[in-house]
Amino acid sequence: MLNSLMIFAQNQYMTRSGQIDFFSSTPIEDIKAINQSVGSVLDVKTGDFVFEVLMKSFQFKNALMQEHFNEKYVESDDYPTATFYGKIQNITSISLNKDIEKPVIVSGTIKIHGVEQPIRAEGILKFQNNQIIASSSFILKPDDFQIKIPSVVRKNIAKEIIINVNIKLNPM
């Protein structure tokens, strides 16, 4: 994983154990899944930021939810990863040698279920103990990625899913 991302030179930070979770809330049911095997690389000089997420690594509280997610919704056998390629827009205004949280804007392209969509999200970067800690929350819509929800469970799954990203990147 991330072999193609190793083309970055100096000033790179990476992780293979970042966390992304998502939450869907409806009056009928709340659904949450956590993935703690997220790969990411950040070039602090250019702001280039890349994520790769194995879809089958999302863990649900209920095994049947996990099975349906992988087999019926995101079709993990056909679309095993989700990816993000983008840039932190204001990276040059951030001093990453101080223990201070800084707001950032990340924009790029996210690919889920074989469908690419532009995305822009706000986040936070913090430099601490020679690590970069990054976090963000944003909303995605399954319909935007051609993820079909069967009518029998459509009321159980929100039209907008809350995505939370929390990663600790180490120097490469």
C-alpha atoms as a PDB file:
ATOM      1  CA  MET A   1       0.000   0.000   0.000  1.00  0.00           C
ATOM      2  CA  LEU A   2       1.154   3.520  -0.768  1.00  0.00           C
ATOM      3  CA  ASN A   3       4.140   2.282  -2.809  1.00  0.00           C
ATOM      4  CA  SER A   4       3.275   4.727  -5.570  1.00  0.00           C
ATOM      5  CA  LEU A   5       3.264   7.517  -2.999  1.00  0.00           C
ATOM      6  CA  MET A   6       6.906   7.039  -2.080  1.00  0.00           C
ATOM      7  CA  ILE A   7       7.949   9.355  -4.913  1.00  0.00           C
ATOM      8  CA  PHE A   8       7.854  12.248  -2.461  1.00  0.00           C
ATOM      9  CA  ALA A   9      11.312  13.465  -1.439  1.00  0.00           C
ATOM     10  CA  GLN A  10      12.224  15.124   1.861  1.00  0.00           C
ATOM     11  CA  ASN A  11       9.668  16.836   4.104  1.00  0.00           C
ATOM     12  CA  GLN A  12       7.236  13.918   4.029  1.00  0.00           C
ATOM     13  CA  TYR A  13       5.252  12.448   6.856  1.00  0.00           C
ATOM     14  CA  MET A  14       3.262   9.235   6.656  1.00  0.00           C
ATOM     15  CA  THR A  15       1.123   6.731   8.493  1.00  0.00           C
ATOM     16  CA  ARG A  16      -0.450   3.365   7.836  1.00  0.00           C
ATOM     17  CA  SER A  17      -2.521   3.461  11.003  1.00  0.00           C
ATOM     18  CA  GLY A  18      -4.663   6.545  10.630  1.00  0.00           C
ATOM     19  CA  GLN A  19      -8.320   6.457  11.605  1.00  0.00           C
ATOM     20  CA  ILE A  20     -11.424   7.317   9.627  1.00  0.00           C
ATOM     21  CA  ASP A  21     -14.876   6.735  10.993  1.00  0.00           C
ATOM     22  CA  PHE A  22     -18.298   7.457   9.606  1.00  0.00           C
ATOM     23  CA  PHE A  23     -21.680   7.971  11.198  1.00  0.00           C
ATOM     24  CA  SER A  24     -25.169   7.720   9.740  1.00  0.00           C
ATOM     25  CA  SER A  25     -28.079   8.777  11.916  1.00  0.00           C
ATOM     26  CA  THR A  26     -31.766   8.334  11.165  1.00  0.00           C
ATOM     27  CA  PRO A  27     -34.815   8.092  13.458  1.00  0.00           C
ATOM     28  CA  ILE A  28     -34.758   4.336  12.820  1.00  0.00           C
ATOM     29  CA  GLU A  29     -31.076   3.513  13.311  1.00  0.00           C
ATOM     30  CA  ASP A  30     -27.602   4.894  13.953  1.00  0.00           C
ATOM     31  CA  ILE A  31     -24.724   3.292  12.070  1.00  0.00           C
ATOM     32  CA  LYS A  32     -21.063   3.829  12.917  1.00  0.00           C
ATOM     33  CA  ALA A  33     -17.947   2.208  11.490  1.00  0.00           C
ATOM     34  CA  ILE A  34     -14.262   2.729  12.260  1.00  0.00           C
ATOM     35  CA  ASN A  35     -11.244   2.046  10.070  1.00  0.00           C
ATOM     36  CA  GLN A  36      -7.837   2.176  11.804  1.00  0.00           C
ATOM     37  CA  SER A  37      -5.762   1.067   8.796  1.00  0.00           C
ATOM     38  CA  VAL A  38      -5.731   4.294   6.816  1.00  0.00           C
ATOM     39  CA  GLY A  39      -2.579   5.048   4.843  1.00  0.00           C
ATOM     40  CA  SER A  40      -1.616   8.656   4.282  1.00  0.00           C
ATOM     41  CA  VAL A  41       1.333  10.751   3.092  1.00  0.00           C
ATOM     42  CA  LEU A  42       1.754  14.509   3.537  1.00  0.00           C
ATOM     43  CA  ASP A  43       4.456  16.620   1.896  1.00  0.00           C
ATOM     44  CA  VAL A  44       4.779  19.617   4.223  1.00  0.00           C
ATOM     45  CA  LYS A  45       6.690  21.640   1.623  1.00  0.00           C
ATOM     46  CA  THR A  46       4.060  21.419  -1.150  1.00  0.00           C
ATOM     47  CA  GLY A  47       0.934  20.585   0.859  1.00  0.00           C
ATOM     48  CA  ASP A  48       0.289  17.459  -1.246  1.00  0.00           C
ATOM     49  CA  PHE A  49      -1.860  15.079   0.813  1.00  0.00           C
ATOM     50  CA  VAL A  50      -2.861  11.533  -0.128  1.00  0.00           C
ATOM     51  CA  PHE A  51      -5.065   8.950   1.621  1.00  0.00           C
ATOM     52  CA  GLU A  52      -5.800   5.337   0.819  1.00  0.00           C
ATOM     53  CA  VAL A  53      -8.507   3.446   2.706  1.00  0.00           C
ATOM     54  CA  LEU A  54      -9.188  -0.287   2.471  1.00  0.00           C
ATOM     55  CA  MET A  55     -12.971  -0.543   2.501  1.00  0.00           C
ATOM     56  CA  LYS A  56     -13.005  -3.994   4.128  1.00  0.00           C
ATOM     57  CA  SER A  57     -11.110  -2.573   7.109  1.00  0.00           C
ATOM     58  CA  PHE A  58     -14.178  -0.682   8.373  1.00  0.00           C
ATOM     59  CA  GLN A  59     -15.391  -2.327  11.576  1.00  0.00           C
ATOM     60  CA  PHE A  60     -19.056  -2.192  12.596  1.00  0.00           C
ATOM     61  CA  LYS A  61     -20.699  -3.130  15.899  1.00  0.00           C
ATOM     62  CA  ASN A  62     -22.814  -5.633  13.992  1.00  0.00           C
ATOM     63  CA  ALA A  63     -21.300  -8.246  11.641  1.00  0.00           C
ATOM     64  CA  LEU A  64     -24.366  -8.155   9.394  1.00  0.00           C
ATOM     65  CA  MET A  65     -23.974  -4.386   8.913  1.00  0.00           C
ATOM     66  CA  GLN A  66     -20.345  -4.940   7.935  1.00  0.00           C
ATOM     67  CA  GLU A  67     -21.313  -7.670   5.472  1.00  0.00           C
ATOM     68  CA  HIS A  68     -24.012  -5.517   3.852  1.00  0.00           C
ATOM     69  CA  PHE A  69     -21.657  -2.513   3.685  1.00  0.00           C
ATOM     70  CA  ASN A  70     -18.998  -4.520   1.836  1.00  0.00           C
ATOM     71  CA  GLU A  71     -21.188  -6.732  -0.356  1.00  0.00           C
ATOM     72  CA  LYS A  72     -24.255  -4.641  -1.165  1.00  0.00           C
ATOM     73  CA  TYR A  73     -23.298  -0.986  -0.814  1.00  0.00           C
ATOM     74  CA  VAL A  74     -19.638  -0.198  -1.486  1.00  0.00           C
ATOM     75  CA  GLU A  75     -19.001  -3.514  -3.280  1.00  0.00           C
ATOM     76  CA  SER A  76     -15.536  -3.898  -1.754  1.00  0.00           C
ATOM     77  CA  ASP A  77     -14.525  -6.800  -4.000  1.00  0.00           C
ATOM     78  CA  ASP A  78     -14.946  -4.569  -7.068  1.00  0.00           C
ATOM     79  CA  TYR A  79     -13.864  -1.295  -5.386  1.00  0.00           C
ATOM     80  CA  PRO A  80     -11.422  -2.326  -2.623  1.00  0.00           C
ATOM     81  CA  THR A  81     -10.107   1.146  -1.782  1.00  0.00           C
ATOM     82  CA  ALA A  82     -11.209   4.708  -1.395  1.00  0.00           C
ATOM     83  CA  THR A  83      -8.601   7.355  -2.185  1.00  0.00           C
ATOM     84  CA  PHE A  84      -8.076  11.064  -1.758  1.00  0.00           C
ATOM     85  CA  TYR A  85      -5.530  13.130  -3.695  1.00  0.00           C
ATOM     86  CA  GLY A  86      -5.311  16.769  -2.834  1.00  0.00           C
ATOM     87  CA  LYS A  87      -3.516  19.646  -1.237  1.00  0.00           C
ATOM     88  CA  ILE A  88      -3.533  21.649   1.962  1.00  0.00           C
ATOM     89  CA  GLN A  89      -4.201  25.089   0.533  1.00  0.00           C
ATOM     90  CA  ASN A  90      -2.525  27.184   3.227  1.00  0.00           C
ATOM     91  CA  ILE A  91       0.448  24.917   4.104  1.00  0.00           C
ATOM     92  CA  THR A  92       3.052  27.672   3.584  1.00  0.00           C
ATOM     93  CA  SER A  93       1.447  29.808   6.303  1.00  0.00           C
ATOM     94  CA  ILE A  94       1.874  27.089   8.929  1.00  0.00           C
ATOM     95  CA  SER A  95       4.912  26.740  11.155  1.00  0.00           C
ATOM     96  CA  LEU A  96       5.169  23.022  11.809  1.00  0.00           C
ATOM     97  CA  ASN A  97       7.842  23.285  14.450  1.00  0.00           C
ATOM     98  CA  LYS A  98       5.596  24.700  17.134  1.00  0.00           C
ATOM     99  CA  ASP A  99       3.155  22.879  19.364  1.00  0.00           C
ATOM    100  CA  ILE A 100       0.212  24.932  18.067  1.00  0.00           C
ATOM    101  CA  GLU A 101      -2.994  23.822  16.342  1.00  0.00           C
ATOM    102  CA  LYS A 102      -3.611  25.535  13.018  1.00  0.00           C
ATOM    103  CA  PRO A 103      -6.775  25.486  10.893  1.00  0.00           C
ATOM    104  CA  VAL A 104      -6.264  24.258   7.337  1.00  0.00           C
ATOM    105  CA  ILE A 105      -8.278  23.916   4.154  1.00  0.00           C
ATOM    106  CA  VAL A 106      -7.840  20.734   2.149  1.00  0.00           C
ATOM    107  CA  SER A 107      -9.141  20.368  -1.390  1.00  0.00           C
ATOM    108  CA  GLY A 108      -8.795  17.656  -3.973  1.00  0.00           C
ATOM    109  CA  THR A 109     -10.502  14.603  -5.378  1.00  0.00           C
ATOM    110  CA  ILE A 110     -12.028  11.722  -3.449  1.00  0.00           C
ATOM    111  CA  LYS A 111     -12.722   8.403  -5.150  1.00  0.00           C
ATOM    112  CA  ILE A 112     -15.193   5.950  -3.626  1.00  0.00           C
ATOM    113  CA  HIS A 113     -16.995   3.100  -5.362  1.00  0.00           C
ATOM    114  CA  GLY A 114     -15.148   3.955  -8.576  1.00  0.00           C
ATOM    115  CA  VAL A 115     -16.582   7.481  -8.671  1.00  0.00           C
ATOM    116  CA  GLU A 116     -14.453  10.614  -8.321  1.00  0.00           C
ATOM    117  CA  GLN A 117     -15.823  13.783  -6.748  1.00  0.00           C
ATOM    118  CA  PRO A 118     -14.171  17.104  -5.905  1.00  0.00           C
ATOM    119  CA  ILE A 119     -14.016  17.829  -2.197  1.00  0.00           C
ATOM    120  CA  ARG A 120     -13.054  20.720   0.045  1.00  0.00           C
ATOM    121  CA  ALA A 121     -12.881  20.372   3.824  1.00  0.00           C
ATOM    122  CA  GLU A 122     -11.654  22.287   6.826  1.00  0.00           C
ATOM    123  CA  GLY A 123      -9.306  20.623   9.258  1.00  0.00           C
ATOM    124  CA  ILE A 124      -6.710  21.074  11.969  1.00  0.00           C
ATOM    125  CA  LEU A 125      -2.944  20.397  11.858  1.00  0.00           C
ATOM    126  CA  LYS A 126      -0.758  20.207  14.916  1.00  0.00           C
ATOM    127  CA  PHE A 127       2.965  19.458  15.235  1.00  0.00           C
ATOM    128  CA  GLN A 128       3.736  17.540  18.431  1.00  0.00           C
ATOM    129  CA  ASN A 129       6.587  15.213  19.436  1.00  0.00           C
ATOM    130  CA  ASN A 130       7.957  15.164  15.862  1.00  0.00           C
ATOM    131  CA  GLN A 131       4.538  14.026  14.571  1.00  0.00           C
ATOM    132  CA  ILE A 132       1.899  15.854  12.598  1.00  0.00           C
ATOM    133  CA  ILE A 133      -1.580  15.311  13.970  1.00  0.00           C
ATOM    134  CA  ALA A 134      -4.335  16.009  11.450  1.00  0.00           C
ATOM    135  CA  SER A 135      -8.095  15.956  11.904  1.00  0.00           C
ATOM    136  CA  SER A 136     -11.141  16.881   9.878  1.00  0.00           C
ATOM    137  CA  SER A 137     -14.891  16.285   9.725  1.00  0.00           C
ATOM    138  CA  PHE A 138     -16.997  16.563   6.595  1.00  0.00           C
ATOM    139  CA  ILE A 139     -20.120  15.158   4.963  1.00  0.00           C
ATOM    140  CA  LEU A 140     -20.418  12.758   2.028  1.00  0.00           C
ATOM    141  CA  LYS A 141     -23.554  11.583   0.258  1.00  0.00           C
ATOM    142  CA  PRO A 142     -23.773   7.929  -0.895  1.00  0.00           C
ATOM    143  CA  ASP A 143     -25.765   9.059  -3.953  1.00  0.00           C
ATOM    144  CA  ASP A 144     -22.793  11.171  -5.109  1.00  0.00           C
ATOM    145  CA  PHE A 145     -20.759   7.957  -5.428  1.00  0.00           C
ATOM    146  CA  GLN A 146     -23.481   5.869  -7.087  1.00  0.00           C
ATOM    147  CA  ILE A 147     -23.884   3.765  -3.941  1.00  0.00           C
ATOM    148  CA  LYS A 148     -27.332   2.258  -4.227  1.00  0.00           C
ATOM    149  CA  ILE A 149     -29.300   1.728  -1.034  1.00  0.00           C
ATOM    150  CA  PRO A 150     -32.125  -0.835  -1.400  1.00  0.00           C
ATOM    151  CA  SER A 151     -35.562   0.656  -0.755  1.00  0.00           C
ATOM    152  CA  VAL A 152     -36.213  -1.801   2.067  1.00  0.00           C
ATOM    153  CA  VAL A 153     -33.434  -0.187   4.177  1.00  0.00           C
ATOM    154  CA  ARG A 154     -33.357   3.324   2.663  1.00  0.00           C
ATOM    155  CA  LYS A 155     -34.936   4.833   5.810  1.00  0.00           C
ATOM    156  CA  ASN A 156     -32.206   3.228   7.968  1.00  0.00           C
ATOM    157  CA  ILE A 157     -29.318   5.002   6.207  1.00  0.00           C
ATOM    158  CA  ALA A 158     -28.872   8.766   6.220  1.00  0.00           C
ATOM    159  CA  LYS A 159     -28.631  10.668   2.937  1.00  0.00           C
ATOM    160  CA  GLU A 160     -25.623  12.507   4.383  1.00  0.00           C
ATOM    161  CA  ILE A 161     -22.865  10.589   6.180  1.00  0.00           C
ATOM    162  CA  ILE A 162     -20.558  12.322   8.673  1.00  0.00           C
ATOM    163  CA  ILE A 163     -16.894  11.441   8.081  1.00  0.00           C
ATOM    164  CA  ASN A 164     -14.230  12.009  10.760  1.00  0.00           C
ATOM    165  CA  VAL A 165     -10.507  11.773  10.013  1.00  0.00           C
ATOM    166  CA  ASN A 166      -7.851  11.564  12.741  1.00  0.00           C
ATOM    167  CA  ILE A 167      -4.281  10.688  11.845  1.00  0.00           C
ATOM    168  CA  LYS A 168      -0.791  10.915  13.300  1.00  0.00           C
ATOM    169  CA  LEU A 169       1.885  11.192  10.641  1.00  0.00           C
ATOM    170  CA  ASN A 170       5.523  10.358  11.325  1.00  0.00           C
ATOM    171  CA  PRO A 171       8.583  11.545   9.389  1.00  0.00           C
ATOM    172  CA  MET A 172       9.507   9.242   6.508  1.00  0.00           C
END
